Amino acid sequence: MNDDSKKIRILTVDDHPILRQGIAALIADESDMTLVAEAANGREAIQQFRAHRPDVTLMDLQMPEMNGFDSLIAIRGEFPDARIIVLTTYTGDVQATRALKAGARAYLLKNSLHRELLDTIRAVNAGRKTLSPEVSFQLAEHSAEELLSAAEVRVLRLIAEGNSNKEIAALLSVTEDSVKGQVRNILSKLGANDRTHAVTIGLKRGIIEL
C-alpha cells in the first residue's frame, strides 16, 4: 500500500526521545501506517493534533508542563472523534479507569509495545477499544472495590509525603481523631496492613503519585 492517503496517520506524544524514536522505527516498517508528528508534552500534543488531525494518537500520561490526562481531555473536548491510545509504565487500575472515562480508546503498557502496539493501532483506527491483558486483569480484580473518597486520597498523599497523623490534622485543620478515622478507612478499603503498605498500594494502583 503506497498511497499515503490510505495510511493510518499517527501522532506520538512522549517526553522521552528514545521512546518516540522506537515507536517511529516500528511504524516505519509498516506499509499501512505513517508517523505525521511528534510532541514532547501535552501542550505540544494539542497543537500538533490541531495541525495534523491524526487518525490515532499515542499519548504518554506522565509528562512535564501538561500531562497526558489533561491533554487527552482537551483534545477530546475539541475533537470528540479523536482516537487516543494511552501509553504508560503503570498498571494502576485507577489510572486506566480515569483514562478510559476521559475518552481513551486503549490503554497499553510501555513494556508490551513491541508485541501489542501495531495491532492496537489498527484496532483503534477501526473503531474498537482495547486494553492490555495486564490492565484488564487489574480492572477486573479491583472493579468491585470501593474507591477512596477525595478526602481519603488527600490523607493518603500526605502520608506518602511522610507526615504523621498529628501533622496531617494540622495541615487539613481537622482533629487528629478525624485523621485516624480516615486512615482506618483507607487501610480497610485498600486491604492494607499499615500506612506504608497503603502508600505502596496507592502508588501501584495509580490512586496517588509521588
Foldseek 3Di string as FASTA:
>chain_A
DQDPVQAQEEEEEAQDVVLVVVVQVVQVPDNRHHYDYYYNALVVVLVVCVVPVGLEYEAEADGPPHGRLVSLLVNCVVPVNYAYEYEYQALALVVVVSSVVSPHQEYYYPVCCVPPVVVCSVQSSVPHGYYPPSSVVNCVVCVPFDDQDPVLLVLLQVVVVPDDLCRVCVVVVHDSVVSVVSLVVLCVRQVHPHSVRSNVSCCRNVSDHD
